[in-house]
């Protein structure tokens, strides 16, 4: 899953800590995290994350927690499914 969202003004690190803690508790693997080096005061900070899970349920739970847990701006996400093969297929 790739997510992009904005964090308002002075709560950048507290909000990001909350987001990452929930990803860890749900069992997601953080593959990438991007933030700009500095954001002017009064503007939101754009964050891009790439997380992974073996099943879709943890990803759905993570998005629900983000939507209901903190005040993020412009939350967008995409989910890509990777097919796995088992022996004998």
Protein backbone atom coordinates (compact mmCIF):
# COMPACT_ATOMS: atom_id res chain seq x y z
CA UNK A 1 0.00 0.00 0.00
CA UNK A 2 1.25 3.42 -0.85
CA UNK A 3 -0.16 6.33 1.16
CA UNK A 4 0.21 10.08 0.89
CA UNK A 5 -1.18 12.50 3.43
CA UNK A 6 -0.58 15.88 4.98
CA UNK A 7 0.06 16.69 8.64
CA UNK A 8 -0.98 20.10 9.95
CA UNK A 9 1.48 22.62 11.38
CA UNK A 10 3.04 21.99 14.79
CA UNK A 11 1.92 18.40 15.33
CA UNK A 12 4.13 16.84 12.69
CA UNK A 13 6.28 14.54 14.80
CA UNK A 14 3.58 13.56 17.30
CA UNK A 15 1.21 12.68 14.47
CA UNK A 16 3.86 10.79 12.53
CA UNK A 17 4.78 8.86 15.68
CA UNK A 18 1.10 7.93 16.14
CA UNK A 19 0.83 6.75 12.50
CA UNK A 20 4.00 4.66 12.69
CA UNK A 21 3.03 3.14 16.06
CA UNK A 22 -0.30 1.97 14.63
CA UNK A 23 1.39 0.52 11.57
CA UNK A 24 3.73 -1.45 13.85
CA UNK A 25 0.92 -2.65 16.15
CA UNK A 26 -1.11 -3.90 13.20
CA UNK A 27 1.93 -5.76 11.87
CA UNK A 28 2.65 -3.75 8.75
CA UNK A 29 6.14 -3.56 7.32
CA UNK A 30 7.37 -0.05 6.59
CA UNK A 31 9.15 -0.14 3.23
CA UNK A 32 9.64 3.58 2.64
CA UNK A 33 8.93 6.93 4.32
CA UNK A 34 9.44 10.29 2.60
CA UNK A 35 9.08 13.78 4.04
CA UNK A 36 10.33 17.14 2.81
CA UNK A 37 13.35 18.54 4.70
CA UNK A 38 11.43 21.62 5.98
CA UNK A 39 7.88 22.87 5.75
CA UNK A 40 7.00 26.53 6.35
CA UNK A 41 4.95 27.22 9.49
CA UNK A 42 1.22 27.17 8.90
CA UNK A 43 1.40 24.72 6.00
CA UNK A 44 0.85 20.99 6.08
CA UNK A 45 3.75 18.60 5.71
CA UNK A 46 3.37 16.09 2.89
CA UNK A 47 4.23 12.52 3.89
CA UNK A 48 4.54 9.52 1.58
CA UNK A 49 4.64 6.01 3.04
CA UNK A 50 4.91 2.58 1.49
CA UNK A 51 3.79 -0.24 3.79
CA UNK A 52 3.19 -3.93 3.19
CA UNK A 53 1.26 -6.81 4.75
CA UNK A 54 0.70 -10.44 3.85
CA UNK A 55 -3.10 -9.99 3.76
CA UNK A 56 -5.48 -7.12 2.95
CA UNK A 57 -7.20 -6.99 6.37
CA UNK A 58 -4.35 -5.22 8.23
CA UNK A 59 -4.12 -2.65 5.43
CA UNK A 60 -7.86 -1.96 5.63
CA UNK A 61 -7.65 -1.62 9.41
CA UNK A 62 -4.71 0.77 9.10
CA UNK A 63 -6.59 3.05 6.70
CA UNK A 64 -9.66 3.02 8.97
CA UNK A 65 -7.51 4.01 11.96
CA UNK A 66 -5.87 6.80 9.98
CA UNK A 67 -9.22 8.15 8.82
CA UNK A 68 -10.70 8.10 12.33
CA UNK A 69 -7.69 8.58 14.60
CA UNK A 70 -5.90 11.76 13.59
CA UNK A 71 -6.64 14.84 11.53
CA UNK A 72 -4.75 14.22 8.32
CA UNK A 73 -5.23 16.28 5.19
CA UNK A 74 -5.45 14.86 1.70
CA UNK A 75 -5.25 11.17 2.65
CA UNK A 76 -4.80 9.12 -0.51
CA UNK A 77 -3.77 5.52 -0.87
CA UNK A 78 -3.38 2.76 -3.40
CA UNK A 79 -3.25 -0.94 -2.74
CA UNK A 80 -1.37 -3.33 -5.00
CA UNK A 81 -1.85 -7.05 -4.64
CA UNK A 82 1.01 -9.41 -5.27
CA UNK A 83 0.02 -12.94 -6.17
CA UNK A 84 1.94 -15.70 -4.46
CA UNK A 85 2.43 -19.20 -5.78
CA UNK A 86 2.38 -22.35 -3.70
CA UNK A 87 4.12 -25.62 -4.49
CA UNK A 88 2.16 -27.72 -6.94
CA UNK A 89 0.47 -24.83 -8.76
